[in-house]
Amino acid sequence: MEYTEDEGQHLVAEFMAKLAARPIKATYDLATLGAKTRQGGDVLTASTDMEMDVHRVACVGDLVRYPDGTESKIASGAGAAVIYDGIAGLLKPGYVAPAGDGA
């Protein structure tokens, strides 16, 4: 089935209107390379190619460096909400294992 350009634009406009009318069910914050954590650390690595607004997204296993120089790996993430190559993305800046706890 082929559409004219006007018909295609009309279909897109209808789809976008339906999409805009749907309620938002959930939002997810993502930590990115260079983000600050709740404990004052900086996200040091973002080992994925996934980007949000040109910022690489950090995932479980990426490193955070704290002001005292200690480093820790990100220990938990968004679970199934954000999966990249089988690894959970970091849900919110700050969900990292405390420095020195063997993470």
Foldseek 3Di string as FASTA:
>chain_A
DDDDPVVVVVVVVVVVVVVVPDDDPDDFDFDFQQDAAPQGWGQHDQPDPDDDPNTRTRFFQGWTAHPVGFIFTQHDADPPVAADPRTHTHGHGHRTDPGPPPD
